[in-house]
Amino acid sequence: MQITQCLHAAILVSDLERAEQFYGNVLGLPKVDRQLKFTGAWYQIGNFQIHLIENRDVAIALSNVPRQSRGNEGTEPAPGLFCCLLG
């Protein structure tokens, strides 16, 4: 079995509005319509999608992880989930 394609990455964010500003306005990625009940936003890059999932407890869960801020005070790294197509 081998990985043939990566389909999407899910990124937990504590501030969805700020994350949408970055992915949509700064990076210029097109937003994908989604019909899910939980708060989030999807962005498309070719055949790959970035799934932003809001979880306001992310910063608390990672409070002991050192920050690597470059002018974005209050930002924390967030865990990601990846989905790959196996062939």
N, C-alpha and C. Protein backbone atom coordinates (compact mmCIF):
# COMPACT_ATOMS: atom_id res chain seq x y z
N MET A 1 0.85 -1.17 0.00
CA MET A 1 0.00 0.00 0.00
C MET A 1 0.90 1.23 0.00
N GLN A 2 0.55 2.23 -0.81
CA GLN A 2 1.30 3.47 -0.83
C GLN A 2 0.36 4.66 -0.89
N ILE A 3 0.80 5.77 -0.36
CA ILE A 3 0.02 7.00 -0.42
C ILE A 3 0.16 7.56 -1.82
N THR A 4 -0.98 7.82 -2.49
CA THR A 4 -0.96 8.33 -3.86
C THR A 4 -1.34 9.79 -3.96
N GLN A 5 -2.02 10.30 -2.95
CA GLN A 5 -2.45 11.70 -3.00
C GLN A 5 -2.86 12.16 -1.61
N CYS A 6 -2.53 13.39 -1.25
CA CYS A 6 -3.00 13.98 0.00
C CYS A 6 -4.23 14.81 -0.34
N LEU A 7 -5.35 14.58 0.34
CA LEU A 7 -6.62 15.20 0.00
C LEU A 7 -6.90 16.48 0.77
N HIS A 8 -6.61 16.48 2.07
CA HIS A 8 -6.85 17.69 2.86
C HIS A 8 -6.08 17.65 4.17
N ALA A 9 -5.93 18.83 4.75
CA ALA A 9 -5.35 18.96 6.09
C ALA A 9 -6.34 19.74 6.92
N ALA A 10 -6.63 19.26 8.12
CA ALA A 10 -7.52 19.97 9.05
C ALA A 10 -6.65 20.68 10.08
N ILE A 11 -6.88 21.97 10.24
CA ILE A 11 -6.12 22.78 11.18
C ILE A 11 -7.07 23.37 12.21
N LEU A 12 -6.81 23.09 13.49
CA LEU A 12 -7.62 23.66 14.55
C LEU A 12 -7.18 25.10 14.79
N VAL A 13 -8.14 26.01 14.82
CA VAL A 13 -7.83 27.43 15.05
C VAL A 13 -8.69 27.94 16.21
N SER A 14 -8.12 28.84 17.00
CA SER A 14 -8.87 29.39 18.13
C SER A 14 -9.64 30.65 17.73
N ASP A 15 -9.29 31.26 16.59
CA ASP A 15 -9.96 32.47 16.12
C ASP A 15 -10.23 32.31 14.62
N LEU A 16 -11.42 31.81 14.29
CA LEU A 16 -11.77 31.51 12.90
C LEU A 16 -11.74 32.76 12.03
N GLU A 17 -12.26 33.87 12.53
CA GLU A 17 -12.29 35.10 11.74
C GLU A 17 -10.88 35.54 11.33
N ARG A 18 -9.96 35.46 12.27
CA ARG A 18 -8.57 35.84 11.99
C ARG A 18 -7.92 34.85 11.02
N ALA A 19 -8.22 33.57 11.17
CA ALA A 19 -7.67 32.56 10.28
C ALA A 19 -8.23 32.73 8.86
N GLU A 20 -9.52 33.06 8.74
CA GLU A 20 -10.12 33.30 7.42
C GLU A 20 -9.49 34.52 6.76
N GLN A 21 -9.19 35.54 7.55
CA GLN A 21 -8.51 36.74 7.03
C GLN A 21 -7.17 36.33 6.41
N PHE A 22 -6.43 35.48 7.10
CA PHE A 22 -5.12 35.06 6.61
C PHE A 22 -5.23 34.19 5.36
N TYR A 23 -6.00 33.10 5.44
CA TYR A 23 -6.06 32.16 4.31
C TYR A 23 -6.79 32.74 3.10
N GLY A 24 -7.85 33.52 3.33
CA GLY A 24 -8.62 34.08 2.23
C GLY A 24 -8.05 35.37 1.68
N ASN A 25 -7.71 36.32 2.55
CA ASN A 25 -7.28 37.64 2.09
C ASN A 25 -5.77 37.76 1.90
N VAL A 26 -4.99 37.23 2.83
CA VAL A 26 -3.53 37.35 2.71
C VAL A 26 -3.00 36.36 1.67
N LEU A 27 -3.37 35.08 1.79
CA LEU A 27 -2.90 34.07 0.84
C LEU A 27 -3.72 34.05 -0.45
N GLY A 28 -4.96 34.59 -0.39
CA GLY A 28 -5.79 34.65 -1.59
C GLY A 28 -6.37 33.32 -2.02
N LEU A 29 -6.57 32.38 -1.07
CA LEU A 29 -7.12 31.08 -1.42
C LEU A 29 -8.63 31.16 -1.59
N PRO A 30 -9.19 30.46 -2.59
CA PRO A 30 -10.64 30.45 -2.75
C PRO A 30 -11.32 29.60 -1.68
N LYS A 31 -12.42 30.11 -1.15
CA LYS A 31 -13.18 29.43 -0.11
C LYS A 31 -14.13 28.42 -0.75
N VAL A 32 -14.29 27.26 -0.11
CA VAL A 32 -15.14 26.19 -0.59
C VAL A 32 -16.42 26.17 0.24
N ASP A 33 -17.58 26.05 -0.41
CA ASP A 33 -18.85 25.90 0.32
C ASP A 33 -18.84 24.59 1.08
N ARG A 34 -19.40 24.61 2.29
CA ARG A 34 -19.49 23.41 3.12
C ARG A 34 -20.83 23.38 3.83
N GLN A 35 -21.36 22.19 4.04
CA GLN A 35 -22.66 22.01 4.67
C GLN A 35 -22.53 21.24 5.98
N LEU A 36 -21.70 21.74 6.87
CA LEU A 36 -21.47 21.06 8.14
C LEU A 36 -21.97 21.92 9.29
N LYS A 37 -22.29 21.27 10.42
CA LYS A 37 -22.85 21.98 11.56
C LYS A 37 -21.81 22.68 12.43
N PHE A 38 -20.58 22.17 12.49
CA PHE A 38 -19.58 22.79 13.34
C PHE A 38 -18.94 23.98 12.63
N THR A 39 -18.42 24.90 13.42
CA THR A 39 -17.85 26.13 12.90
C THR A 39 -16.51 25.86 12.23
N GLY A 40 -16.37 26.35 10.99
CA GLY A 40 -15.12 26.17 10.28
C GLY A 40 -15.19 26.78 8.89
N ALA A 41 -14.12 26.63 8.14
CA ALA A 41 -14.04 27.13 6.77
C ALA A 41 -13.09 26.24 5.98
N TRP A 42 -13.43 26.00 4.70
CA TRP A 42 -12.60 25.18 3.83
C TRP A 42 -12.01 26.08 2.75
N TYR A 43 -10.75 25.82 2.37
CA TYR A 43 -10.08 26.55 1.30
C TYR A 43 -9.47 25.55 0.32
N GLN A 44 -9.47 25.90 -0.96
CA GLN A 44 -9.01 25.01 -2.02
C GLN A 44 -7.65 25.44 -2.57
N ILE A 45 -6.77 24.46 -2.78
CA ILE A 45 -5.49 24.67 -3.47
C ILE A 45 -5.36 23.52 -4.47
N GLY A 46 -5.74 23.74 -5.72
CA GLY A 46 -5.74 22.65 -6.71
C GLY A 46 -6.69 21.56 -6.26
N ASN A 47 -6.18 20.32 -6.12
CA ASN A 47 -6.99 19.19 -5.64
C ASN A 47 -6.91 19.02 -4.13
N PHE A 48 -6.23 19.93 -3.46
CA PHE A 48 -5.99 19.86 -2.02
C PHE A 48 -6.85 20.89 -1.30
N GLN A 49 -7.34 20.53 -0.11
CA GLN A 49 -8.13 21.47 0.69
C GLN A 49 -7.50 21.66 2.07
N ILE A 50 -7.62 22.88 2.58
CA ILE A 50 -7.27 23.19 3.96
C ILE A 50 -8.59 23.36 4.70
N HIS A 51 -8.79 22.59 5.75
CA HIS A 51 -10.00 22.65 6.56
C HIS A 51 -9.67 23.36 7.87
N LEU A 52 -10.20 24.55 8.05
CA LEU A 52 -10.03 25.26 9.32
C LEU A 52 -11.20 24.88 10.22
N ILE A 53 -10.91 24.42 11.41
CA ILE A 53 -11.94 24.01 12.36
C ILE A 53 -11.75 24.84 13.63
N GLU A 54 -12.80 25.58 13.99
CA GLU A 54 -12.68 26.43 15.18
C GLU A 54 -12.81 25.63 16.45
N ASN A 55 -11.85 25.84 17.33
CA ASN A 55 -11.85 25.23 18.66
C ASN A 55 -11.18 26.24 19.57
N ARG A 56 -11.97 27.01 20.30
CA ARG A 56 -11.42 28.10 21.11
C ARG A 56 -10.55 27.61 22.26
N ASP A 57 -10.52 26.29 22.52
CA ASP A 57 -9.69 25.74 23.59
C ASP A 57 -8.30 25.33 23.10
N VAL A 58 -8.00 25.52 21.82
CA VAL A 58 -6.71 25.09 21.28
C VAL A 58 -5.55 25.72 22.03
N ALA A 59 -5.58 27.02 22.26
CA ALA A 59 -4.47 27.69 22.93
C ALA A 59 -4.29 27.17 24.36
N ILE A 60 -5.39 26.82 25.02
CA ILE A 60 -5.31 26.28 26.38
C ILE A 60 -4.69 24.89 26.35
N ALA A 61 -5.09 24.06 25.39
CA ALA A 61 -4.56 22.71 25.28
C ALA A 61 -3.07 22.71 24.98
N LEU A 62 -2.57 23.78 24.36
CA LEU A 62 -1.17 23.86 23.98
C LEU A 62 -0.42 24.94 24.75
N SER A 63 -0.89 25.25 25.94
CA SER A 63 -0.33 26.38 26.68
C SER A 63 1.14 26.22 27.03
N ASN A 64 1.67 25.00 27.09
CA ASN A 64 3.08 24.82 27.43
C ASN A 64 3.98 24.69 26.20
N VAL A 65 3.43 24.89 24.99
CA VAL A 65 4.23 24.86 23.76
C VAL A 65 4.81 26.25 23.54
N PRO A 66 6.12 26.36 23.33
CA PRO A 66 6.72 27.68 23.13
C PRO A 66 6.17 28.37 21.88
N ARG A 67 5.94 29.67 21.96
CA ARG A 67 5.45 30.46 20.83
C ARG A 67 6.61 30.79 19.91
N GLN A 68 6.30 30.89 18.63
CA GLN A 68 7.26 31.36 17.65
C GLN A 68 6.58 32.48 16.88
N SER A 69 6.32 33.56 17.57
CA SER A 69 5.57 34.67 17.02
C SER A 69 6.47 35.61 16.24
N ARG A 70 5.97 36.05 15.09
CA ARG A 70 6.67 37.05 14.28
C ARG A 70 5.73 38.23 14.07
N GLY A 71 5.48 38.96 15.14
CA GLY A 71 4.60 40.12 15.04
C GLY A 71 3.14 39.78 15.21
N ASN A 72 2.81 38.53 15.47
CA ASN A 72 1.41 38.12 15.68
C ASN A 72 1.24 37.70 17.13
N GLU A 73 1.30 38.64 18.02
CA GLU A 73 1.20 38.34 19.45
C GLU A 73 -0.08 37.57 19.74
N GLY A 74 0.05 36.58 20.59
CA GLY A 74 -1.11 35.79 21.00
C GLY A 74 -1.35 34.57 20.13
N THR A 75 -0.53 34.34 19.11
CA THR A 75 -0.74 33.18 18.26
C THR A 75 -0.07 31.97 18.87
N GLU A 76 -0.65 30.83 18.66
CA GLU A 76 -0.11 29.56 19.15
C GLU A 76 -0.10 28.57 17.99
N PRO A 77 0.82 27.63 17.98
CA PRO A 77 0.77 26.57 16.98
C PRO A 77 -0.45 25.70 17.24
N ALA A 78 -0.99 25.08 16.22
CA ALA A 78 -2.16 24.22 16.37
C ALA A 78 -1.88 22.86 15.73
N PRO A 79 -2.44 21.80 16.30
CA PRO A 79 -2.26 20.48 15.70
C PRO A 79 -3.02 20.40 14.39
N GLY A 80 -2.59 19.55 13.50
CA GLY A 80 -3.26 19.36 12.21
C GLY A 80 -3.60 17.89 12.00
N LEU A 81 -4.64 17.64 11.25
CA LEU A 81 -5.04 16.29 10.85
C LEU A 81 -4.92 16.22 9.34
N PHE A 82 -4.41 15.11 8.84
CA PHE A 82 -4.19 15.00 7.40
C PHE A 82 -4.94 13.79 6.85
N CYS A 83 -5.50 13.93 5.67
CA CYS A 83 -6.22 12.84 5.01
C CYS A 83 -5.52 12.54 3.70
N CYS A 84 -5.10 11.29 3.49
CA CYS A 84 -4.39 10.92 2.27
C CYS A 84 -5.13 9.78 1.58
N LEU A 85 -5.03 9.74 0.25
CA LEU A 85 -5.62 8.68 -0.56
C LEU A 85 -4.61 7.57 -0.70
N LEU A 86 -4.98 6.35 -0.34
CA LEU A 86 -4.09 5.20 -0.44
C LEU A 86 -4.44 4.41 -1.69
N GLY A 87 -3.44 3.92 -2.36
CA GLY A 87 -3.68 3.15 -3.58
C GLY A 87 -3.05 1.79 -3.54
